Amino acid sequence: MWVKMRVFSIFFIGIAFLLGCKNSEGAKTIRLAHTLDVNHSVHQAMVKMGEDLRELSDDRLHIEIYANQQLGTERECLELLQIGSLDMAKVSVGILENFAPKMKVLGLPFLFRSKEHSFKVMDGPIGQQLLDSGQKYWLKGLGFYDAGSRSFYSKERPIEHPDDLEGLKIRVMESKTAMDMVRSMGGSPTPISWGELYTSLQQGVVDGAENNPPSFYLSRHYEVCKYYSLSEHTFLPDVLIAGTHFWNRLSEQERVWLKEAVKNSMVYQRKLWTEAETKALKEVQKAGVAVIRPNKQPFEQRVEKIYRQYEDEAELYAIIQEIKAMEQ
């Protein structure tokens, strides 16, 4: 029954979108969905992208943003992109790897030595290669937004060592890489949608989760979880995706305008993100959260076996080695 309802929901959203591809003034309206709060830096960057696009296109292209999971989870948004019923969406690499398998490389724990290292990879040829890898799945990657580093937060006890994860149910995205990571550290990975996580923490369905500081703060998860351990195990970016059905309908000039607006929004978002991280850590501590800075080495040692799983996947293993060898 749930599967049928989900299919019907996607179908009717698609019909509504196909009937409304132009606004009353004749300009093209690009429908863009994400699951984040409107105060999030990604949403603010998208607002700027819409403003820039209207200016660049002389008001011929507009962006209509659907925030806060209005059109469903990230997985559902990707499905809408694939059938041409949604134009663009922001999703985490952790979800995207289920649709474009090469993307799972970016979710490997402790792959990047620093934020600067991650930017060099994502803004360079490797990043472009990964963005392009989704096209055969009807998903065109346009760029990466900064989502910082993900760390563990918990209700009952601080996580200062992998042993502290023993017996804890930790919420993860629907990502095999994330589940393997938590399992290798001794925790019990539990996939739950972002919109259901606050209640799941309250009710004890899970004992903790892992995410970046702004998401921890804006979601108000700090009201339930009073320990935030800066393990910084992954620099997992957000990805701006266009459906190829939508992309193929654009003229060459429209693509140029959109690419420029996207690039400007990425620069703007990264600036906002740095400010948001600082504010988030400050505010959660004011709310009584203990921020812990554990020794990362024991966590790194626990996940070494994950990398060994890739030795038989020649193409992905080569990308991993290239990323590791890259100078900052």
Protein backbone atom coordinates (compact mmCIF):
# COMPACT_ATOMS: atom_id res chain seq x y z
CA MET A 1 0.00 0.00 0.00
CA TRP A 2 2.78 2.47 0.93
CA VAL A 3 4.59 1.77 -2.36
CA LYS A 4 1.38 2.44 -4.35
CA MET A 5 0.78 5.72 -2.49
CA ARG A 6 4.35 6.80 -3.17
CA VAL A 7 4.03 6.03 -6.89
CA PHE A 8 0.73 7.93 -7.13
CA SER A 9 2.25 10.87 -5.24
CA ILE A 10 5.19 11.08 -7.64
CA PHE A 11 2.81 10.74 -10.61
CA PHE A 12 0.50 13.56 -9.57
CA ILE A 13 3.39 15.87 -8.69
CA GLY A 14 4.78 15.17 -12.14
CA ILE A 15 1.47 16.02 -13.86
CA ALA A 16 1.25 19.30 -11.92
CA PHE A 17 4.79 20.25 -12.91
CA LEU A 18 4.32 19.42 -16.57
CA LEU A 19 1.23 21.62 -16.68
CA GLY A 20 3.10 24.54 -15.12
CA CYS A 21 6.45 24.80 -16.92
CA LYS A 22 5.91 28.48 -17.83
CA ASN A 23 4.64 31.32 -15.70
CA SER A 24 2.00 33.81 -16.71
CA GLU A 25 4.62 36.21 -18.08
CA GLY A 26 6.01 33.61 -20.47
CA ALA A 27 9.30 33.10 -18.61
CA LYS A 28 10.51 29.56 -17.95
CA THR A 29 10.19 28.48 -14.33
CA ILE A 30 12.78 26.02 -13.01
CA ARG A 31 11.49 23.99 -10.08
CA LEU A 32 14.17 23.25 -7.51
CA ALA A 33 13.62 21.11 -4.41
CA HIS A 34 15.61 20.40 -1.26
CA THR A 35 14.97 19.11 2.25
CA LEU A 36 16.67 21.84 4.30
CA ASP A 37 15.40 24.71 6.42
CA VAL A 38 15.02 28.10 4.71
CA ASN A 39 17.63 29.53 7.09
CA HIS A 40 20.24 27.06 5.82
CA SER A 41 23.14 28.44 3.77
CA VAL A 42 22.22 26.19 0.83
CA HIS A 43 18.72 27.66 0.63
CA GLN A 44 20.08 31.20 0.88
CA ALA A 45 22.55 30.42 -1.91
CA MET A 46 19.71 29.10 -4.04
CA VAL A 47 17.78 32.31 -3.51
CA LYS A 48 20.84 34.20 -4.78
CA MET A 49 21.09 31.78 -7.71
CA GLY A 50 17.52 32.62 -8.66
CA GLU A 51 18.19 36.35 -8.45
CA ASP A 52 21.34 36.05 -10.54
CA LEU A 53 19.62 33.87 -13.12
CA ARG A 54 16.78 36.34 -13.61
CA GLU A 55 19.34 39.09 -14.16
CA LEU A 56 21.57 37.05 -16.48
CA SER A 57 18.62 35.88 -18.57
CA ASP A 58 16.92 39.26 -18.70
CA ASP A 59 14.03 37.80 -16.66
CA ARG A 60 13.52 34.83 -19.00
CA LEU A 61 14.47 32.14 -16.45
CA HIS A 62 13.02 31.97 -12.95
CA ILE A 63 13.71 29.52 -10.11
CA GLU A 64 10.95 28.34 -7.81
CA ILE A 65 12.36 26.75 -4.63
CA TYR A 66 10.58 24.05 -2.64
CA ALA A 67 12.30 23.77 0.75
CA ASN A 68 11.77 21.68 3.88
CA GLN A 69 11.03 18.40 2.11
CA GLN A 70 7.87 19.82 0.51
CA LEU A 71 8.27 17.48 -2.46
CA GLY A 72 9.51 14.50 -0.50
CA THR A 73 12.77 13.03 0.69
CA GLU A 74 16.01 13.38 -1.24
CA ARG A 75 15.51 9.91 -2.71
CA GLU A 76 12.02 10.87 -3.90
CA CYS A 77 13.34 14.10 -5.43
CA LEU A 78 15.94 12.13 -7.38
CA GLU A 79 13.20 9.85 -8.66
CA LEU A 80 11.21 12.89 -9.78
CA LEU A 81 14.28 14.18 -11.64
CA GLN A 82 14.73 10.86 -13.39
CA ILE A 83 11.19 10.81 -14.80
CA GLY A 84 11.30 14.49 -15.76
CA SER A 85 8.76 15.69 -13.20
CA LEU A 86 11.20 17.94 -11.35
CA ASP A 87 13.92 20.14 -12.81
CA MET A 88 16.61 20.42 -10.13
CA ALA A 89 17.31 19.24 -6.60
CA LYS A 90 19.92 19.43 -3.89
CA VAL A 91 20.84 16.07 -2.41
CA SER A 92 23.60 14.68 -0.26
CA VAL A 93 26.27 12.54 -1.85
CA GLY A 94 25.24 9.89 0.67
CA ILE A 95 21.85 9.53 -1.03
CA LEU A 96 23.12 10.13 -4.55
CA GLU A 97 25.48 7.13 -4.38
CA ASN A 98 22.40 4.89 -4.60
CA PHE A 99 21.67 6.35 -8.04
CA ALA A 100 25.17 7.18 -9.34
CA PRO A 101 27.49 4.56 -7.77
CA LYS A 102 30.80 6.35 -8.41
CA MET A 103 29.70 9.09 -6.00
CA LYS A 104 30.19 6.75 -3.05
CA VAL A 105 33.91 7.53 -3.21
CA LEU A 106 33.24 10.97 -1.67
CA GLY A 107 31.51 9.38 1.32
CA LEU A 108 34.51 7.34 2.43
CA PRO A 109 35.55 8.21 6.00
CA PHE A 110 38.76 10.18 6.52
CA LEU A 111 39.39 10.38 2.77
CA PHE A 112 40.13 14.11 2.87
CA ARG A 113 42.86 15.65 4.98
CA SER A 114 41.14 19.02 5.23
CA LYS A 115 38.37 21.13 3.80
CA GLU A 116 40.86 22.66 1.37
CA HIS A 117 41.78 19.19 0.14
CA SER A 118 38.10 18.35 -0.44
CA PHE A 119 37.53 21.57 -2.39
CA LYS A 120 40.54 20.89 -4.60
CA VAL A 121 39.10 17.49 -5.49
CA MET A 122 35.51 18.61 -6.00
CA ASP A 123 36.40 21.71 -8.02
CA GLY A 124 38.86 19.84 -10.24
CA PRO A 125 38.82 17.06 -12.85
CA ILE A 126 37.92 14.33 -10.35
CA GLY A 127 34.90 16.27 -9.16
CA GLN A 128 33.76 16.89 -12.73
CA GLN A 129 34.21 13.22 -13.56
CA LEU A 130 31.98 12.27 -10.63
CA LEU A 131 29.37 14.90 -11.53
CA ASP A 132 29.26 13.55 -15.09
CA SER A 133 28.92 9.95 -13.90
CA GLY A 134 25.21 10.41 -13.17
CA GLN A 135 24.16 11.35 -16.71
CA LYS A 136 23.50 7.78 -17.79
CA TYR A 137 21.05 7.62 -14.87
CA TRP A 138 19.24 10.79 -16.10
CA LEU A 139 20.97 12.95 -13.46
CA LYS A 140 23.31 15.77 -14.46
CA GLY A 141 25.55 17.06 -11.68
CA LEU A 142 26.00 20.85 -11.73
CA GLY A 143 28.22 21.46 -8.71
CA PHE A 144 29.00 20.86 -5.06
CA TYR A 145 27.84 22.85 -2.06
CA ASP A 146 29.87 22.79 1.13
CA ALA A 147 28.30 20.58 3.80
CA GLY A 148 31.30 20.65 6.09
CA SER A 149 32.39 17.62 8.05
CA ARG A 150 30.05 15.16 9.73
CA SER A 151 30.47 14.23 13.38
CA PHE A 152 28.61 12.13 15.92
CA TYR A 153 26.04 13.44 18.40
CA SER A 154 24.40 11.37 21.11
CA LYS A 155 21.87 11.44 23.93
CA GLU A 156 23.22 9.41 26.83
CA ARG A 157 27.02 9.57 26.68
CA PRO A 158 29.81 11.30 24.78
CA ILE A 159 31.53 9.49 21.93
CA GLU A 160 35.23 9.93 22.58
CA HIS A 161 36.43 6.60 21.19
CA PRO A 162 34.95 4.03 18.77
CA ASP A 163 34.27 1.79 21.77
CA ASP A 164 31.71 4.36 22.93
CA LEU A 165 29.58 3.50 19.89
CA GLU A 166 29.13 -0.09 21.04
CA GLY A 167 25.44 -0.80 21.57
CA LEU A 168 24.27 2.54 20.18
CA LYS A 169 21.79 2.86 17.33
CA ILE A 170 23.12 5.67 15.14
CA ARG A 171 20.95 7.27 12.48
CA VAL A 172 22.54 7.32 9.04
CA MET A 173 21.34 8.21 5.56
CA GLU A 174 20.27 5.47 3.16
CA SER A 175 23.91 4.99 2.22
CA LYS A 176 25.80 1.72 2.23
CA THR A 177 29.04 3.64 2.74
CA ALA A 178 27.67 5.38 5.84
CA MET A 179 26.27 2.13 7.21
CA ASP A 180 29.57 0.32 6.67
CA MET A 181 31.39 3.14 8.43
CA VAL A 182 29.23 3.12 11.57
CA ARG A 183 29.25 -0.67 11.69
CA SER A 184 33.05 -0.78 11.40
CA MET A 185 33.31 1.57 14.36
CA GLY A 186 31.08 -0.65 16.49
CA GLY A 187 27.73 1.14 16.23
CA SER A 188 24.43 -0.07 14.84
CA PRO A 189 23.57 1.98 11.72
CA THR A 190 19.88 2.83 11.41
CA PRO A 191 18.64 4.55 8.23
CA ILE A 192 15.94 7.12 8.99
CA SER A 193 14.75 10.04 6.86
CA TRP A 194 15.92 13.48 7.99
CA GLY A 195 12.36 14.69 8.57
CA GLU A 196 11.65 11.86 11.03
CA LEU A 197 14.90 12.08 12.99
CA TYR A 198 13.93 14.55 15.72
CA THR A 199 11.00 12.40 16.83
CA SER A 200 13.08 9.23 16.51
CA LEU A 201 15.69 10.71 18.87
CA GLN A 202 13.02 11.79 21.32
CA GLN A 203 11.36 8.40 21.35
CA GLY A 204 14.59 6.42 21.60
CA VAL A 205 14.28 4.79 18.18
CA VAL A 206 17.92 5.82 17.78
CA ASP A 207 20.51 6.89 20.35
CA GLY A 208 22.29 9.40 18.20
CA ALA A 209 23.17 10.52 14.70
CA GLU A 210 25.96 12.12 12.68
CA ASN A 211 25.90 15.38 10.81
CA ASN A 212 27.55 18.76 10.41
CA PRO A 213 27.23 21.59 12.98
CA PRO A 214 24.69 23.79 11.11
CA SER A 215 22.37 20.83 10.50
CA PHE A 216 22.69 19.77 14.15
CA TYR A 217 21.78 23.31 15.19
CA LEU A 218 19.05 24.22 12.68
CA SER A 219 17.28 20.88 13.16
CA ARG A 220 17.18 21.58 16.92
CA HIS A 221 18.54 18.08 17.54
CA TYR A 222 20.68 19.68 20.26
CA GLU A 223 17.50 19.85 22.36
CA VAL A 224 17.63 16.05 22.62
CA CYS A 225 21.31 15.23 22.15
CA LYS A 226 23.64 16.94 24.61
CA TYR A 227 26.94 15.49 23.36
CA TYR A 228 28.55 16.51 20.07
CA SER A 229 31.84 14.76 19.28
CA LEU A 230 33.86 16.39 16.51
CA SER A 231 35.09 13.16 14.93
CA GLU A 232 34.85 14.89 11.51
CA HIS A 233 34.83 11.49 9.87
CA THR A 234 33.55 12.62 6.45
CA PHE A 235 33.56 15.76 4.32
CA LEU A 236 30.35 14.80 2.58
CA PRO A 237 29.24 17.48 0.10
CA ASP A 238 25.78 18.39 -1.07
CA VAL A 239 25.27 18.12 -4.82
CA LEU A 240 23.13 20.28 -7.07
CA ILE A 241 21.52 18.00 -9.64
CA ALA A 242 19.50 18.69 -12.79
CA GLY A 243 17.36 16.08 -14.45
CA THR A 244 18.60 15.36 -17.96
CA HIS A 245 15.03 15.67 -19.28
CA PHE A 246 15.01 19.28 -18.07
CA TRP A 247 18.61 19.94 -19.15
CA ASN A 248 17.95 18.75 -22.68
CA ARG A 249 15.07 21.22 -23.02
CA LEU A 250 17.37 24.19 -22.37
CA SER A 251 19.02 26.10 -25.17
CA GLU A 252 22.81 26.49 -25.19
CA GLN A 253 22.45 30.08 -24.02
CA GLU A 254 20.12 29.08 -21.17
CA ARG A 255 22.65 26.49 -20.04
CA VAL A 256 25.38 29.13 -19.99
CA TRP A 257 23.23 31.42 -17.84
CA LEU A 258 22.34 28.60 -15.45
CA LYS A 259 25.93 27.40 -15.10
CA GLU A 260 27.09 30.91 -14.23
CA ALA A 261 24.33 31.36 -11.65
CA VAL A 262 25.18 27.98 -10.12
CA LYS A 263 28.88 28.84 -9.91
CA ASN A 264 28.12 32.16 -8.21
CA SER A 265 25.82 30.45 -5.71
CA MET A 266 28.53 27.91 -4.81
CA VAL A 267 31.03 30.67 -3.97
CA TYR A 268 28.39 32.52 -1.95
CA GLN A 269 27.26 29.38 -0.09
CA ARG A 270 30.77 28.44 0.99
CA LYS A 271 31.20 31.86 2.57
CA LEU A 272 27.87 31.54 4.38
CA TRP A 273 28.76 28.01 5.46
CA THR A 274 31.91 29.08 7.30
CA GLU A 275 29.89 31.66 9.22
CA ALA A 276 27.12 29.13 9.92
CA GLU A 277 29.54 26.55 11.35
CA THR A 278 30.98 29.06 13.81
CA LYS A 279 27.54 30.22 14.88
CA ALA A 280 26.17 26.69 15.24
CA LEU A 281 28.92 25.48 17.55
CA LYS A 282 28.58 28.62 19.65
CA GLU A 283 24.80 28.35 19.96
CA VAL A 284 24.63 24.64 20.83
CA GLN A 285 27.18 25.15 23.58
CA LYS A 286 25.08 28.01 24.95
CA ALA A 287 22.17 25.54 24.98
CA GLY A 288 24.13 23.12 27.19
CA VAL A 289 25.72 20.80 24.62
CA ALA A 290 29.15 19.43 25.46
CA VAL A 291 31.37 19.73 22.39
CA ILE A 292 34.09 17.07 22.47
CA ARG A 293 37.23 16.95 20.32
CA PRO A 294 38.26 13.28 20.37
CA ASN A 295 41.49 11.75 19.12
CA LYS A 296 40.62 10.80 15.53
CA GLN A 297 43.28 8.13 15.09
CA PRO A 298 41.31 5.25 16.69
CA PHE A 299 38.33 6.09 14.46
CA GLU A 300 40.55 6.10 11.37
CA GLN A 301 42.02 2.73 12.28
CA ARG A 302 38.58 1.16 12.58
CA VAL A 303 37.58 2.12 9.03
CA GLU A 304 40.72 0.91 7.21
CA LYS A 305 38.96 -2.30 6.20
CA ILE A 306 36.38 -0.30 4.25
CA TYR A 307 39.09 0.81 1.85
CA ARG A 308 40.19 -2.79 1.29
CA GLN A 309 36.73 -3.53 -0.13
CA TYR A 310 37.55 -1.29 -3.09
CA GLU A 311 40.73 -3.07 -4.14
CA ASP A 312 38.76 -5.24 -6.57
CA GLU A 313 37.00 -2.22 -8.12
CA ALA A 314 39.83 -0.94 -10.27
CA GLU A 315 38.26 2.31 -11.46
CA LEU A 316 37.04 3.45 -8.04
CA TYR A 317 40.24 2.33 -6.32
CA ALA A 318 42.26 4.41 -8.78
CA ILE A 319 40.16 7.48 -7.96
CA ILE A 320 40.69 6.88 -4.24
CA GLN A 321 44.45 6.63 -4.67
CA GLU A 322 44.50 9.77 -6.83
CA ILE A 323 42.59 11.71 -4.18
CA LYS A 324 44.88 10.52 -1.41
CA ALA A 325 48.01 11.41 -3.39
CA MET A 326 46.79 14.90 -4.25
CA GLU A 327 48.65 17.80 -2.68
CA GLN A 328 46.56 20.37 -0.83
